[in-house]
Amino acid sequence: SGWFWCDLLVLLNYLLFMLLFLLILPFSGSHITFSFFLLMFKIKKIPFSSFLLYFLKSFIYFKIIVFVLVKRL
């Protein structure tokens, strides 16, 4: 549906931040990386309730994308 592709574009937009998150994670505490993500959401003006919901949705979509790619191979 249309909403899926809209969310997918948003997810791809945040995958860059996910990669930054994974690069930062080994070199710092989890509280620093969490505050980094909160900063990104404050920049995008997304409320905190949506922050947790988005995290869950992006994780599910990421699993779906990986599953589809694995099935294609």
Protein backbone atom coordinates (compact mmCIF):
# COMPACT_ATOMS: atom_id res chain seq x y z
CA SER A 1 0.00 0.00 0.00
CA GLY A 2 0.94 3.67 -0.21
CA TRP A 3 1.67 3.95 3.50
CA PHE A 4 4.15 1.08 3.32
CA TRP A 5 6.22 2.79 0.61
CA CYS A 6 6.03 6.11 2.45
CA ASP A 7 7.32 4.46 5.63
CA LEU A 8 9.94 2.61 3.58
CA LEU A 9 11.33 5.91 2.27
CA VAL A 10 11.46 7.23 5.83
CA LEU A 11 13.19 4.02 6.90
CA LEU A 12 15.82 4.35 4.17
CA ASN A 13 16.33 7.96 5.29
CA TYR A 14 17.04 6.76 8.83
CA LEU A 15 19.20 3.80 7.79
CA LEU A 16 22.03 6.33 7.42
CA PHE A 17 21.59 7.24 11.09
CA MET A 18 21.37 3.52 11.91
CA LEU A 19 24.79 3.02 10.27
CA LEU A 20 26.19 5.97 12.22
CA PHE A 21 24.64 4.45 15.35
CA LEU A 22 26.41 1.12 14.69
CA LEU A 23 29.70 2.91 14.04
CA ILE A 24 29.42 4.95 17.24
CA LEU A 25 28.19 2.06 19.44
CA PRO A 26 31.54 0.25 19.97
CA PHE A 27 33.32 3.49 20.93
CA SER A 28 30.86 4.88 23.47
CA GLY A 29 28.30 4.06 26.14
CA SER A 30 24.75 3.16 25.22
CA HIS A 31 23.46 6.37 26.86
CA ILE A 32 25.52 8.42 24.38
CA THR A 33 24.14 6.56 21.37
CA PHE A 34 20.60 6.80 22.77
CA SER A 35 20.96 10.56 23.24
CA PHE A 36 22.38 10.74 19.70
CA PHE A 37 19.18 9.13 18.39
CA LEU A 38 17.04 11.45 20.52
CA LEU A 39 18.93 14.39 19.02
CA MET A 40 18.15 13.15 15.50
CA PHE A 41 14.46 12.91 16.36
CA LYS A 42 14.49 16.40 17.92
CA ILE A 43 16.01 17.74 14.69
CA LYS A 44 13.23 16.03 12.72
CA LYS A 45 10.66 17.26 15.30
CA ILE A 46 9.29 13.79 16.03
CA PRO A 47 7.73 13.29 19.50
CA PHE A 48 9.22 10.74 21.90
CA SER A 49 6.17 8.42 21.73
CA SER A 50 6.71 8.18 17.97
CA PHE A 51 10.41 7.55 18.63
CA LEU A 52 9.72 4.18 20.29
CA LEU A 53 6.98 3.32 17.78
CA TYR A 54 9.28 4.17 14.88
CA PHE A 55 12.07 2.06 16.36
CA LEU A 56 9.72 -0.94 16.49
CA LYS A 57 8.35 -0.32 12.99
CA SER A 58 11.79 0.18 11.46
CA PHE A 59 13.01 -3.03 13.10
CA ILE A 60 10.04 -4.98 11.66
CA TYR A 61 10.50 -3.46 8.19
CA PHE A 62 14.23 -4.16 8.33
CA LYS A 63 13.49 -7.81 9.15
CA ILE A 64 11.00 -7.97 6.23
CA ILE A 65 13.53 -6.44 3.81
CA VAL A 66 16.28 -8.84 4.93
CA PHE A 67 13.87 -11.79 4.68
CA VAL A 68 12.85 -10.79 1.13
CA LEU A 69 16.48 -10.31 0.06
CA VAL A 70 17.48 -13.70 1.52
CA LYS A 71 14.56 -15.38 -0.28
CA ARG A 72 15.65 -13.79 -3.59
CA LEU A 73 19.16 -15.24 -3.33
